[in-house]
Amino acid sequence: MVKDAESHASDDQARRELIDARNQADGLAYQAEKTVAENRDRIAAGEVARVEQAVAAARLAVKGDDVAAIRRASEQLQHASHAVAEALYTQASGPSAGAPAGHSAVKDAEVVDAEFAETSK
C-alpha cells in the first residue's frame, strides 16, 4: 500500500496544484466582481470592462485542466483588479476625502462626538 501511495505521489501533487490554482482564480474572480459591483459608479467604464473581461477569462480557464493557463488568467485578473483598487484609493485619499481644502468636514452647529479626560491639579 505504501508503494502504491508513493507511485501516485506525483499525480496527487499535480492534482493538488490544479485545485489550488482553480480555488485562487475563483476567489480572485469573486472578489473582483464584488469590488466592481460595489463601486461601479466610481470606476471608469474602461476599467470595468477590463476587469469583467479578466473575470470571464479566469472563469473560462478554471473549467479546463491547464494549470499554467489558470495562473496566467489569475495574474491578468489580479493586475486588472489592482488598477481598479488603486483608482478607488486615489479617489478616497483626496483632500479630506472630498472636502474642500482648508475647510473642516464638520458643519456649524453639528455635534461632534469626542472623548476627554478631566485632570485636577
PDB file of N, CA and C in Angstrom:
ATOM      1  N   MET A   1       0.824  -1.184   0.000  1.00  0.00           N
ATOM      2  CA  MET A   1       0.000   0.000   0.000  1.00  0.00           C
ATOM      3  C   MET A   1       0.878   1.262   0.000  1.00  0.00           C
ATOM      4  N   VAL A   2       1.989   1.211   0.716  1.00  0.00           N
ATOM      5  CA  VAL A   2       2.908   2.341   0.756  1.00  0.00           C
ATOM      6  C   VAL A   2       3.514   2.574  -0.626  1.00  0.00           C
ATOM      7  N   LYS A   3       3.889   1.492  -1.292  1.00  0.00           N
ATOM      8  CA  LYS A   3       4.446   1.617  -2.644  1.00  0.00           C
ATOM      9  C   LYS A   3       3.418   2.206  -3.598  1.00  0.00           C
ATOM     10  N   ASP A   4       2.173   1.822  -3.426  1.00  0.00           N
ATOM     11  CA  ASP A   4       1.097   2.338  -4.263  1.00  0.00           C
ATOM     12  C   ASP A   4       0.935   3.844  -4.052  1.00  0.00           C
ATOM     13  N   ALA A   5       0.996   4.276  -2.815  1.00  0.00           N
ATOM     14  CA  ALA A   5       0.889   5.703  -2.497  1.00  0.00           C
ATOM     15  C   ALA A   5       2.072   6.480  -3.065  1.00  0.00           C
ATOM     16  N   GLU A   6       3.254   5.910  -2.949  1.00  0.00           N
ATOM     17  CA  GLU A   6       4.445   6.568  -3.486  1.00  0.00           C
ATOM     18  C   GLU A   6       4.391   6.684  -4.999  1.00  0.00           C
ATOM     19  N   SER A   7       3.839   5.680  -5.642  1.00  0.00           N
ATOM     20  CA  SER A   7       3.773   5.707  -7.103  1.00  0.00           C
ATOM     21  C   SER A   7       2.786   6.759  -7.610  1.00  0.00           C
ATOM     22  N   HIS A   8       1.816   7.109  -6.788  1.00  0.00           N
ATOM     23  CA  HIS A   8       0.808   8.112  -7.190  1.00  0.00           C
ATOM     24  C   HIS A   8       1.073   9.489  -6.593  1.00  0.00           C
ATOM     25  N   ALA A   9       2.195   9.663  -5.927  1.00  0.00           N
ATOM     26  CA  ALA A   9       2.509  10.939  -5.276  1.00  0.00           C
ATOM     27  C   ALA A   9       2.589  12.086  -6.281  1.00  0.00           C
ATOM     28  N   SER A  10       3.209  11.863  -7.427  1.00  0.00           N
ATOM     29  CA  SER A  10       3.322  12.936  -8.423  1.00  0.00           C
ATOM     30  C   SER A  10       1.949  13.286  -9.001  1.00  0.00           C
ATOM     31  N   ASP A  11       1.097  12.285  -9.196  1.00  0.00           N
ATOM     32  CA  ASP A  11      -0.266  12.546  -9.678  1.00  0.00           C
ATOM     33  C   ASP A  11      -1.045  13.356  -8.652  1.00  0.00           C
ATOM     34  N   ASP A  12      -0.880  12.987  -7.385  1.00  0.00           N
ATOM     35  CA  ASP A  12      -1.567  13.700  -6.311  1.00  0.00           C
ATOM     36  C   ASP A  12      -1.092  15.150  -6.231  1.00  0.00           C
ATOM     37  N   GLN A  13       0.211  15.369  -6.391  1.00  0.00           N
ATOM     38  CA  GLN A  13       0.767  16.719  -6.346  1.00  0.00           C
ATOM     39  C   GLN A  13       0.240  17.562  -7.503  1.00  0.00           C
ATOM     40  N   ALA A  14       0.183  17.002  -8.690  1.00  0.00           N
ATOM     41  CA  ALA A  14      -0.323  17.726  -9.857  1.00  0.00           C
ATOM     42  C   ALA A  14      -1.796  18.078  -9.662  1.00  0.00           C
ATOM     43  N   ARG A  15      -2.549  17.152  -9.121  1.00  0.00           N
ATOM     44  CA  ARG A  15      -3.978  17.397  -8.877  1.00  0.00           C
ATOM     45  C   ARG A  15      -4.158  18.496  -7.830  1.00  0.00           C
ATOM     46  N   ARG A  16      -3.320  18.467  -6.805  1.00  0.00           N
ATOM     47  CA  ARG A  16      -3.404  19.496  -5.769  1.00  0.00           C
ATOM     48  C   ARG A  16      -3.093  20.882  -6.348  1.00  0.00           C
ATOM     49  N   GLU A  17      -2.065  20.971  -7.202  1.00  0.00           N
ATOM     50  CA  GLU A  17      -1.726  22.243  -7.834  1.00  0.00           C
ATOM     51  C   GLU A  17      -2.883  22.770  -8.676  1.00  0.00           C
ATOM     52  N   LEU A  18      -3.539  21.860  -9.394  1.00  0.00           N
ATOM     53  CA  LEU A  18      -4.684  22.249 -10.213  1.00  0.00           C
ATOM     54  C   LEU A  18      -5.816  22.779  -9.340  1.00  0.00           C
ATOM     55  N   ILE A  19      -6.105  22.097  -8.260  1.00  0.00           N
ATOM     56  CA  ILE A  19      -7.188  22.516  -7.368  1.00  0.00           C
ATOM     57  C   ILE A  19      -6.854  23.852  -6.713  1.00  0.00           C
ATOM     58  N   ASP A  20      -5.620  24.006  -6.265  1.00  0.00           N
ATOM     59  CA  ASP A  20      -5.206  25.267  -5.653  1.00  0.00           C
ATOM     60  C   ASP A  20      -5.302  26.429  -6.639  1.00  0.00           C
ATOM     61  N   ALA A  21      -4.863  26.202  -7.873  1.00  0.00           N
ATOM     62  CA  ALA A  21      -4.928  27.248  -8.898  1.00  0.00           C
ATOM     63  C   ALA A  21      -6.379  27.619  -9.193  1.00  0.00           C
ATOM     64  N   ARG A  22      -7.247  26.613  -9.273  1.00  0.00           N
ATOM     65  CA  ARG A  22      -8.666  26.879  -9.515  1.00  0.00           C
ATOM     66  C   ARG A  22      -9.272  27.679  -8.370  1.00  0.00           C
ATOM     67  N   ASN A  23      -8.971  27.283  -7.148  1.00  0.00           N
ATOM     68  CA  ASN A  23      -9.517  27.989  -5.984  1.00  0.00           C
ATOM     69  C   ASN A  23      -9.053  29.435  -5.932  1.00  0.00           C
ATOM     70  N   GLN A  24      -7.783  29.656  -6.222  1.00  0.00           N
ATOM     71  CA  GLN A  24      -7.252  31.015  -6.210  1.00  0.00           C
ATOM     72  C   GLN A  24      -7.932  31.868  -7.293  1.00  0.00           C
ATOM     73  N   ALA A  25      -8.052  31.317  -8.487  1.00  0.00           N
ATOM     74  CA  ALA A  25      -8.684  32.056  -9.583  1.00  0.00           C
ATOM     75  C   ALA A  25     -10.142  32.354  -9.268  1.00  0.00           C
ATOM     76  N   ASP A  26     -10.834  31.387  -8.710  1.00  0.00           N
ATOM     77  CA  ASP A  26     -12.236  31.586  -8.364  1.00  0.00           C
ATOM     78  C   ASP A  26     -12.389  32.651  -7.282  1.00  0.00           C
ATOM     79  N   GLY A  27     -11.517  32.629  -6.293  1.00  0.00           N
ATOM     80  CA  GLY A  27     -11.552  33.638  -5.242  1.00  0.00           C
ATOM     81  C   GLY A  27     -11.268  35.034  -5.765  1.00  0.00           C
ATOM     82  N   LEU A  28     -10.282  35.146  -6.643  1.00  0.00           N
ATOM     83  CA  LEU A  28      -9.964  36.443  -7.248  1.00  0.00           C
ATOM     84  C   LEU A  28     -11.135  36.966  -8.084  1.00  0.00           C
ATOM     85  N   ALA A  29     -11.764  36.064  -8.838  1.00  0.00           N
ATOM     86  CA  ALA A  29     -12.901  36.459  -9.672  1.00  0.00           C
ATOM     87  C   ALA A  29     -14.051  36.962  -8.805  1.00  0.00           C
ATOM     88  N   TYR A  30     -14.331  36.242  -7.721  1.00  0.00           N
ATOM     89  CA  TYR A  30     -15.403  36.651  -6.814  1.00  0.00           C
ATOM     90  C   TYR A  30     -15.111  38.028  -6.232  1.00  0.00           C
ATOM     91  N   GLN A  31     -13.892  38.234  -5.742  1.00  0.00           N
ATOM     92  CA  GLN A  31     -13.523  39.499  -5.119  1.00  0.00           C
ATOM     93  C   GLN A  31     -13.579  40.643  -6.124  1.00  0.00           C
ATOM     94  N   ALA A  32     -13.116  40.410  -7.347  1.00  0.00           N
ATOM     95  CA  ALA A  32     -13.148  41.452  -8.373  1.00  0.00           C
ATOM     96  C   ALA A  32     -14.582  41.817  -8.734  1.00  0.00           C
ATOM     97  N   GLU A  33     -15.436  40.814  -8.873  1.00  0.00           N
ATOM     98  CA  GLU A  33     -16.847  41.077  -9.179  1.00  0.00           C
ATOM     99  C   GLU A  33     -17.503  41.873  -8.053  1.00  0.00           C
ATOM    100  N   LYS A  34     -17.187  41.529  -6.835  1.00  0.00           N
ATOM    101  CA  LYS A  34     -17.752  42.228  -5.681  1.00  0.00           C
ATOM    102  C   LYS A  34     -17.295  43.686  -5.655  1.00  0.00           C
ATOM    103  N   THR A  35     -16.021  43.924  -5.885  1.00  0.00           N
ATOM    104  CA  THR A  35     -15.486  45.280  -5.884  1.00  0.00           C
ATOM    105  C   THR A  35     -16.128  46.126  -6.981  1.00  0.00           C
ATOM    106  N   VAL A  36     -16.268  45.563  -8.161  1.00  0.00           N
ATOM    107  CA  VAL A  36     -16.879  46.292  -9.271  1.00  0.00           C
ATOM    108  C   VAL A  36     -18.350  46.573  -8.978  1.00  0.00           C
ATOM    109  N   ALA A  37     -19.069  45.603  -8.436  1.00  0.00           N
ATOM    110  CA  ALA A  37     -20.488  45.789  -8.146  1.00  0.00           C
ATOM    111  C   ALA A  37     -20.708  46.879  -7.099  1.00  0.00           C
ATOM    112  N   GLU A  38     -19.847  46.934  -6.098  1.00  0.00           N
ATOM    113  CA  GLU A  38     -19.998  47.914  -5.028  1.00  0.00           C
ATOM    114  C   GLU A  38     -19.561  49.315  -5.439  1.00  0.00           C
ATOM    115  N   ASN A  39     -18.698  49.429  -6.437  1.00  0.00           N
ATOM    116  CA  ASN A  39     -18.114  50.723  -6.802  1.00  0.00           C
ATOM    117  C   ASN A  39     -18.278  51.065  -8.269  1.00  0.00           C
ATOM    118  N   ARG A  40     -19.237  50.479  -8.932  1.00  0.00           N
ATOM    119  CA  ARG A  40     -19.393  50.667 -10.380  1.00  0.00           C
ATOM    120  C   ARG A  40     -19.492  52.146 -10.759  1.00  0.00           C
ATOM    121  N   ASP A  41     -20.162  52.942  -9.947  1.00  0.00           N
ATOM    122  CA  ASP A  41     -20.338  54.358 -10.267  1.00  0.00           C
ATOM    123  C   ASP A  41     -19.063  55.180 -10.073  1.00  0.00           C
ATOM    124  N   ARG A  42     -18.089  54.645  -9.385  1.00  0.00           N
ATOM    125  CA  ARG A  42     -16.838  55.363  -9.123  1.00  0.00           C
ATOM    126  C   ARG A  42     -15.683  54.890 -10.002  1.00  0.00           C
ATOM    127  N   ILE A  43     -15.924  53.869 -10.819  1.00  0.00           N
ATOM    128  CA  ILE A  43     -14.868  53.292 -11.651  1.00  0.00           C
ATOM    129  C   ILE A  43     -15.127  53.664 -13.108  1.00  0.00           C
ATOM    130  N   ALA A  44     -14.078  53.999 -13.826  1.00  0.00           N
ATOM    131  CA  ALA A  44     -14.202  54.333 -15.251  1.00  0.00           C
ATOM    132  C   ALA A  44     -14.726  53.118 -16.023  1.00  0.00           C
ATOM    133  N   ALA A  45     -15.511  53.376 -17.039  1.00  0.00           N
ATOM    134  CA  ALA A  45     -16.131  52.310 -17.820  1.00  0.00           C
ATOM    135  C   ALA A  45     -15.088  51.387 -18.451  1.00  0.00           C
ATOM    136  N   GLY A  46     -13.987  51.942 -18.880  1.00  0.00           N
ATOM    137  CA  GLY A  46     -12.928  51.135 -19.478  1.00  0.00           C
ATOM    138  C   GLY A  46     -12.324  50.160 -18.476  1.00  0.00           C
ATOM    139  N   GLU A  47     -12.154  50.614 -17.249  1.00  0.00           N
ATOM    140  CA  GLU A  47     -11.612  49.745 -16.202  1.00  0.00           C
ATOM    141  C   GLU A  47     -12.601  48.645 -15.847  1.00  0.00           C
ATOM    142  N   VAL A  48     -13.883  48.985 -15.804  1.00  0.00           N
ATOM    143  CA  VAL A  48     -14.920  47.988 -15.510  1.00  0.00           C
ATOM    144  C   VAL A  48     -14.897  46.908 -16.578  1.00  0.00           C
ATOM    145  N   ALA A  49     -14.827  47.317 -17.842  1.00  0.00           N
ATOM    146  CA  ALA A  49     -14.803  46.358 -18.943  1.00  0.00           C
ATOM    147  C   ALA A  49     -13.558  45.478 -18.869  1.00  0.00           C
ATOM    148  N   ARG A  50     -12.435  46.067 -18.519  1.00  0.00           N
ATOM    149  CA  ARG A  50     -11.183  45.302 -18.412  1.00  0.00           C
ATOM    150  C   ARG A  50     -11.279  44.243 -17.312  1.00  0.00           C
ATOM    151  N   VAL A  51     -11.833  44.623 -16.167  1.00  0.00           N
ATOM    152  CA  VAL A  51     -11.984  43.674 -15.064  1.00  0.00           C
ATOM    153  C   VAL A  51     -12.980  42.576 -15.437  1.00  0.00           C
ATOM    154  N   GLU A  52     -14.098  42.954 -16.034  1.00  0.00           N
ATOM    155  CA  GLU A  52     -15.104  41.957 -16.422  1.00  0.00           C
ATOM    156  C   GLU A  52     -14.544  40.974 -17.444  1.00  0.00           C
ATOM    157  N   GLN A  53     -13.719  41.477 -18.350  1.00  0.00           N
ATOM    158  CA  GLN A  53     -13.074  40.615 -19.339  1.00  0.00           C
ATOM    159  C   GLN A  53     -12.107  39.640 -18.663  1.00  0.00           C
ATOM    160  N   ALA A  54     -11.348  40.140 -17.713  1.00  0.00           N
ATOM    161  CA  ALA A  54     -10.390  39.295 -16.981  1.00  0.00           C
ATOM    162  C   ALA A  54     -11.117  38.258 -16.131  1.00  0.00           C
ATOM    163  N   VAL A  55     -12.251  38.636 -15.544  1.00  0.00           N
ATOM    164  CA  VAL A  55     -13.054  37.684 -14.763  1.00  0.00           C
ATOM    165  C   VAL A  55     -13.575  36.574 -15.673  1.00  0.00           C
ATOM    166  N   ALA A  56     -14.076  36.955 -16.838  1.00  0.00           N
ATOM    167  CA  ALA A  56     -14.588  35.960 -17.781  1.00  0.00           C
ATOM    168  C   ALA A  56     -13.479  35.006 -18.228  1.00  0.00           C
ATOM    169  N   ALA A  57     -12.293  35.539 -18.476  1.00  0.00           N
ATOM    170  CA  ALA A  57     -11.161  34.698 -18.884  1.00  0.00           C
ATOM    171  C   ALA A  57     -10.767  33.744 -17.763  1.00  0.00           C
ATOM    172  N   ALA A  58     -10.787  34.227 -16.529  1.00  0.00           N
ATOM    173  CA  ALA A  58     -10.438  33.370 -15.391  1.00  0.00           C
ATOM    174  C   ALA A  58     -11.481  32.277 -15.199  1.00  0.00           C
ATOM    175  N   ARG A  59     -12.743  32.626 -15.320  1.00  0.00           N
ATOM    176  CA  ARG A  59     -13.817  31.629 -15.176  1.00  0.00           C
ATOM    177  C   ARG A  59     -13.705  30.557 -16.269  1.00  0.00           C
ATOM    178  N   LEU A  60     -13.342  30.967 -17.465  1.00  0.00           N
ATOM    179  CA  LEU A  60     -13.178  30.017 -18.565  1.00  0.00           C
ATOM    180  C   LEU A  60     -11.971  29.118 -18.325  1.00  0.00           C
ATOM    181  N   ALA A  61     -10.877  29.694 -17.856  1.00  0.00           N
ATOM    182  CA  ALA A  61      -9.660  28.915 -17.604  1.00  0.00           C
ATOM    183  C   ALA A  61      -9.873  27.892 -16.497  1.00  0.00           C
ATOM    184  N   VAL A  62     -10.678  28.233 -15.494  1.00  0.00           N
ATOM    185  CA  VAL A  62     -10.945  27.327 -14.373  1.00  0.00           C
ATOM    186  C   VAL A  62     -11.662  26.064 -14.840  1.00  0.00           C
ATOM    187  N   LYS A  63     -12.407  26.167 -15.905  1.00  0.00           N
ATOM    188  CA  LYS A  63     -13.134  24.992 -16.422  1.00  0.00           C
ATOM    189  C   LYS A  63     -12.198  23.955 -17.034  1.00  0.00           C
ATOM    190  N   GLY A  64     -11.004  24.368 -17.411  1.00  0.00           N
ATOM    191  CA  GLY A  64     -10.040  23.452 -18.022  1.00  0.00           C
ATOM    192  C   GLY A  64      -9.102  22.850 -16.999  1.00  0.00           C
ATOM    193  N   ASP A  65      -8.146  22.069 -17.492  1.00  0.00           N
ATOM    194  CA  ASP A  65      -7.185  21.400 -16.618  1.00  0.00           C
ATOM    195  C   ASP A  65      -5.759  21.929 -16.782  1.00  0.00           C
ATOM    196  N   ASP A  66      -5.587  23.025 -17.488  1.00  0.00           N
ATOM    197  CA  ASP A  66      -4.264  23.592 -17.727  1.00  0.00           C
ATOM    198  C   ASP A  66      -3.904  24.564 -16.602  1.00  0.00           C
ATOM    199  N   VAL A  67      -3.027  24.129 -15.704  1.00  0.00           N
ATOM    200  CA  VAL A  67      -2.643  24.932 -14.542  1.00  0.00           C
ATOM    201  C   VAL A  67      -1.987  26.243 -14.982  1.00  0.00           C
ATOM    202  N   ALA A  68      -1.148  26.192 -15.987  1.00  0.00           N
ATOM    203  CA  ALA A  68      -0.455  27.396 -16.464  1.00  0.00           C
ATOM    204  C   ALA A  68      -1.453  28.422 -16.998  1.00  0.00           C
ATOM    205  N   ALA A  69      -2.471  27.971 -17.716  1.00  0.00           N
ATOM    206  CA  ALA A  69      -3.481  28.880 -18.256  1.00  0.00           C
ATOM    207  C   ALA A  69      -4.297  29.510 -17.126  1.00  0.00           C
ATOM    208  N   ILE A  70      -4.592  28.731 -16.111  1.00  0.00           N
ATOM    209  CA  ILE A  70      -5.339  29.254 -14.964  1.00  0.00           C
ATOM    210  C   ILE A  70      -4.508  30.307 -14.242  1.00  0.00           C
ATOM    211  N   ARG A  71      -3.234  30.035 -14.061  1.00  0.00           N
ATOM    212  CA  ARG A  71      -2.360  31.000 -13.381  1.00  0.00           C
ATOM    213  C   ARG A  71      -2.186  32.280 -14.191  1.00  0.00           C
ATOM    214  N   ARG A  72      -2.074  32.155 -15.527  1.00  0.00           N
ATOM    215  CA  ARG A  72      -1.967  33.350 -16.378  1.00  0.00           C
ATOM    216  C   ARG A  72      -3.235  34.192 -16.271  1.00  0.00           C
ATOM    217  N   ALA A  73      -4.394  33.539 -16.321  1.00  0.00           N
ATOM    218  CA  ALA A  73      -5.667  34.257 -16.214  1.00  0.00           C
ATOM    219  C   ALA A  73      -5.802  34.917 -14.841  1.00  0.00           C
ATOM    220  N   SER A  74      -5.339  34.229 -13.812  1.00  0.00           N
ATOM    221  CA  SER A  74      -5.377  34.798 -12.456  1.00  0.00           C
ATOM    222  C   SER A  74      -4.487  36.024 -12.359  1.00  0.00           C
ATOM    223  N   GLU A  75      -3.320  35.950 -12.965  1.00  0.00           N
ATOM    224  CA  GLU A  75      -2.387  37.074 -12.935  1.00  0.00           C
ATOM    225  C   GLU A  75      -2.969  38.285 -13.664  1.00  0.00           C
ATOM    226  N   GLN A  76      -3.578  38.059 -14.821  1.00  0.00           N
ATOM    227  CA  GLN A  76      -4.192  39.153 -15.565  1.00  0.00           C
ATOM    228  C   GLN A  76      -5.349  39.771 -14.772  1.00  0.00           C
ATOM    229  N   LEU A  77      -6.133  38.922 -14.125  1.00  0.00           N
ATOM    230  CA  LEU A  77      -7.239  39.409 -13.299  1.00  0.00           C
ATOM    231  C   LEU A  77      -6.713  40.206 -12.116  1.00  0.00           C
ATOM    232  N   GLN A  78      -5.642  39.743 -11.534  1.00  0.00           N
ATOM    233  CA  GLN A  78      -5.050  40.442 -10.402  1.00  0.00           C
ATOM    234  C   GLN A  78      -4.545  41.829 -10.820  1.00  0.00           C
ATOM    235  N   HIS A  79      -3.913  41.930 -11.977  1.00  0.00           N
ATOM    236  CA  HIS A  79      -3.440  43.223 -12.473  1.00  0.00           C
ATOM    237  C   HIS A  79      -4.608  44.175 -12.721  1.00  0.00           C
ATOM    238  N   ALA A  80      -5.681  43.658 -13.321  1.00  0.00           N
ATOM    239  CA  ALA A  80      -6.852  44.492 -13.605  1.00  0.00           C
ATOM    240  C   ALA A  80      -7.518  44.958 -12.314  1.00  0.00           C
ATOM    241  N   SER A  81      -7.629  44.077 -11.345  1.00  0.00           N
ATOM    242  CA  SER A  81      -8.283  44.462 -10.097  1.00  0.00           C
ATOM    243  C   SER A  81      -7.411  45.402  -9.269  1.00  0.00           C
ATOM    244  N   HIS A  82      -6.089  45.261  -9.369  1.00  0.00           N
ATOM    245  CA  HIS A  82      -5.196  46.185  -8.674  1.00  0.00           C
ATOM    246  C   HIS A  82      -5.320  47.592  -9.249  1.00  0.00           C
ATOM    247  N   ALA A  83      -5.484  47.692 -10.548  1.00  0.00           N
ATOM    248  CA  ALA A  83      -5.650  49.002 -11.173  1.00  0.00           C
ATOM    249  C   ALA A  83      -6.929  49.669 -10.673  1.00  0.00           C
ATOM    250  N   VAL A  84      -7.987  48.893 -10.540  1.00  0.00           N
ATOM    251  CA  VAL A  84      -9.255  49.425 -10.030  1.00  0.00           C
ATOM    252  C   VAL A  84      -9.096  49.842  -8.576  1.00  0.00           C
ATOM    253  N   ALA A  85      -8.468  49.005  -7.777  1.00  0.00           N
ATOM    254  CA  ALA A  85      -8.267  49.323  -6.364  1.00  0.00           C
ATOM    255  C   ALA A  85      -7.424  50.584  -6.201  1.00  0.00           C
ATOM    256  N   GLU A  86      -6.420  50.731  -7.034  1.00  0.00           N
ATOM    257  CA  GLU A  86      -5.576  51.917  -6.978  1.00  0.00           C
ATOM    258  C   GLU A  86      -6.378  53.169  -7.320  1.00  0.00           C
ATOM    259  N   ALA A  87      -7.232  53.073  -8.328  1.00  0.00           N
ATOM    260  CA  ALA A  87      -8.063  54.220  -8.709  1.00  0.00           C
ATOM    261  C   ALA A  87      -9.033  54.573  -7.581  1.00  0.00           C
ATOM    262  N   LEU A  88      -9.616  53.575  -6.960  1.00  0.00           N
ATOM    263  CA  LEU A  88     -10.538  53.826  -5.849  1.00  0.00           C
ATOM    264  C   LEU A  88      -9.797  54.453  -4.668  1.00  0.00           C
ATOM    265  N   TYR A  89      -8.606  53.974  -4.389  1.00  0.00           N
ATOM    266  CA  TYR A  89      -7.811  54.521  -3.293  1.00  0.00           C
ATOM    267  C   TYR A  89      -7.441  55.973  -3.561  1.00  0.00           C
ATOM    268  N   THR A  90      -7.062  56.267  -4.783  1.00  0.00           N
ATOM    269  CA  THR A  90      -6.690  57.626  -5.150  1.00  0.00           C
ATOM    270  C   THR A  90      -7.881  58.566  -4.981  1.00  0.00           C
ATOM    271  N   GLN A  91      -9.063  58.114  -5.363  1.00  0.00           N
ATOM    272  CA  GLN A  91     -10.266  58.926  -5.199  1.00  0.00           C
ATOM    273  C   GLN A  91     -10.562  59.161  -3.722  1.00  0.00           C
ATOM    274  N   ALA A  92     -10.394  58.133  -2.911  1.00  0.00           N
ATOM    275  CA  ALA A  92     -10.728  58.228  -1.490  1.00  0.00           C
ATOM    276  C   ALA A  92      -9.713  59.036  -0.709  1.00  0.00           C
ATOM    277  N   SER A  93      -8.480  59.117  -1.165  1.00  0.00           N
ATOM    278  CA  SER A  93      -7.438  59.804  -0.406  1.00  0.00           C
ATOM    279  C   SER A  93      -7.252  61.250  -0.834  1.00  0.00           C
ATOM    280  N   GLY A  94      -8.224  61.799  -1.515  1.00  0.00           N
ATOM    281  CA  GLY A  94      -8.161  63.210  -1.899  1.00  0.00           C
ATOM    282  C   GLY A  94      -8.194  64.084  -0.667  1.00  0.00           C
ATOM    283  N   PRO A  95      -8.184  65.400  -0.808  1.00  0.00           N
ATOM    284  CA  PRO A  95      -8.188  66.289   0.356  1.00  0.00           C
ATOM    285  C   PRO A  95      -9.425  66.059   1.212  1.00  0.00           C
ATOM    286  N   SER A  96      -9.223  65.565   2.403  1.00  0.00           N
ATOM    287  CA  SER A  96     -10.288  65.256   3.370  1.00  0.00           C
ATOM    288  C   SER A  96     -11.390  64.419   2.746  1.00  0.00           C
ATOM    289  N   ALA A  97     -11.025  63.521   1.856  1.00  0.00           N
ATOM    290  CA  ALA A  97     -11.964  62.624   1.179  1.00  0.00           C
ATOM    291  C   ALA A  97     -13.120  63.389   0.552  1.00  0.00           C
ATOM    292  N   GLY A  98     -12.825  64.453  -0.155  1.00  0.00           N
ATOM    293  CA  GLY A  98     -13.863  65.175  -0.882  1.00  0.00           C
ATOM    294  C   GLY A  98     -14.167  66.544  -0.305  1.00  0.00           C
ATOM    295  N   ALA A  99     -13.693  66.879   0.885  1.00  0.00           N
ATOM    296  CA  ALA A  99     -13.940  68.192   1.462  1.00  0.00           C
ATOM    297  C   ALA A  99     -12.993  69.201   0.821  1.00  0.00           C
ATOM    298  N   PRO A 100     -13.440  70.423   0.627  1.00  0.00           N
ATOM    299  CA  PRO A 100     -12.563  71.443   0.053  1.00  0.00           C
ATOM    300  C   PRO A 100     -11.361  71.687   0.956  1.00  0.00           C
ATOM    301  N   ALA A 101     -10.238  72.005   0.369  1.00  0.00           N
ATOM    302  CA  ALA A 101      -9.010  72.236   1.134  1.00  0.00           C
ATOM    303  C   ALA A 101      -9.194  73.449   2.035  1.00  0.00           C
ATOM    304  N   GLY A 102      -8.735  73.338   3.286  1.00  0.00           N
ATOM    305  CA  GLY A 102      -8.823  74.444   4.214  1.00  0.00           C
ATOM    306  C   GLY A 102     -10.130  74.496   4.980  1.00  0.00           C
ATOM    307  N   HIS A 103     -11.064  73.662   4.698  1.00  0.00           N
ATOM    308  CA  HIS A 103     -12.341  73.652   5.390  1.00  0.00           C
ATOM    309  C   HIS A 103     -12.484  72.386   6.213  1.00  0.00           C
ATOM    310  N   SER A 104     -13.143  72.526   7.331  1.00  0.00           N
ATOM    311  CA  SER A 104     -13.402  71.371   8.188  1.00  0.00           C
ATOM    312  C   SER A 104     -14.560  70.576   7.614  1.00  0.00           C
ATOM    313  N   ALA A 105     -14.549  69.277   7.839  1.00  0.00           N
ATOM    314  CA  ALA A 105     -15.639  68.420   7.382  1.00  0.00           C
ATOM    315  C   ALA A 105     -16.856  68.560   8.290  1.00  0.00           C
ATOM    316  N   VAL A 106     -16.701  69.253   9.449  1.00  0.00           N
ATOM    317  CA  VAL A 106     -17.788  69.431  10.404  1.00  0.00           C
ATOM    318  C   VAL A 106     -18.526  70.720  10.072  1.00  0.00           C
ATOM    319  N   LYS A 107     -19.847  70.655   9.971  1.00  0.00           N
ATOM    320  CA  LYS A 107     -20.662  71.827   9.674  1.00  0.00           C
ATOM    321  C   LYS A 107     -20.951  72.586  10.965  1.00  0.00           C
ATOM    322  N   ASP A 108     -21.303  73.866  10.837  1.00  0.00           N
ATOM    323  CA  ASP A 108     -21.651  74.671  12.003  1.00  0.00           C
ATOM    324  C   ASP A 108     -22.838  74.060  12.721  1.00  0.00           C
ATOM    325  N   ALA A 109     -22.803  74.085  14.037  1.00  0.00           N
ATOM    326  CA  ALA A 109     -23.855  73.580  14.917  1.00  0.00           C
ATOM    327  C   ALA A 109     -24.024  72.066  14.833  1.00  0.00           C
ATOM    328  N   GLU A 110     -23.044  71.396  14.278  1.00  0.00           N
ATOM    329  CA  GLU A 110     -23.096  69.933  14.196  1.00  0.00           C
ATOM    330  C   GLU A 110     -22.411  69.367  15.440  1.00  0.00           C
ATOM    331  N   VAL A 111     -23.008  68.365  16.033  1.00  0.00           N
ATOM    332  CA  VAL A 111     -22.456  67.753  17.228  1.00  0.00           C
ATOM    333  C   VAL A 111     -21.350  66.791  16.825  1.00  0.00           C
ATOM    334  N   VAL A 112     -20.211  66.923  17.483  1.00  0.00           N
ATOM    335  CA  VAL A 112     -19.075  66.055  17.217  1.00  0.00           C
ATOM    336  C   VAL A 112     -18.812  65.242  18.469  1.00  0.00           C
ATOM    337  N   ASP A 113     -18.844  63.945  18.354  1.00  0.00           N
ATOM    338  CA  ASP A 113     -18.597  63.057  19.487  1.00  0.00           C
ATOM    339  C   ASP A 113     -17.100  62.950  19.712  1.00  0.00           C
ATOM    340  N   ALA A 114     -16.677  63.210  20.969  1.00  0.00           N
ATOM    341  CA  ALA A 114     -15.262  63.134  21.284  1.00  0.00           C
ATOM    342  C   ALA A 114     -15.087  62.661  22.718  1.00  0.00           C
ATOM    343  N   GLU A 115     -13.936  62.120  23.012  1.00  0.00           N
ATOM    344  CA  GLU A 115     -13.624  61.689  24.377  1.00  0.00           C
ATOM    345  C   GLU A 115     -12.704  62.712  25.006  1.00  0.00           C
ATOM    346  N   PHE A 116     -12.835  62.897  26.316  1.00  0.00           N
ATOM    347  CA  PHE A 116     -11.946  63.793  27.035  1.00  0.00           C
ATOM    348  C   PHE A 116     -11.743  63.238  28.440  1.00  0.00           C
ATOM    349  N   ALA A 117     -10.736  63.729  29.074  1.00  0.00           N
ATOM    350  CA  ALA A 117     -10.433  63.319  30.443  1.00  0.00           C
ATOM    351  C   ALA A 117     -10.211  64.557  31.282  1.00  0.00           C
ATOM    352  N   GLU A 118     -10.826  64.593  32.474  1.00  0.00           N
ATOM    353  CA  GLU A 118     -10.639  65.712  33.382  1.00  0.00           C
ATOM    354  C   GLU A 118      -9.458  65.403  34.295  1.00  0.00           C
ATOM    355  N   THR A 119      -8.605  66.371  34.437  1.00  0.00           N
ATOM    356  CA  THR A 119      -7.469  66.208  35.334  1.00  0.00           C
ATOM    357  C   THR A 119      -7.502  67.329  36.352  1.00  0.00           C
ATOM    358  N   SER A 120      -7.224  67.011  37.590  1.00  0.00           N
ATOM    359  CA  SER A 120      -7.196  68.050  38.628  1.00  0.00           C
ATOM    360  C   SER A 120      -5.757  68.319  39.007  1.00  0.00           C
ATOM    361  N   LYS A 121      -5.489  69.578  39.304  1.00  0.00           N
ATOM    362  CA  LYS A 121      -4.111  69.970  39.641  1.00  0.00           C
ATOM    363  C   LYS A 121      -4.018  70.342  41.071  1.00  0.00           C
TER     364      LYS A 121
END
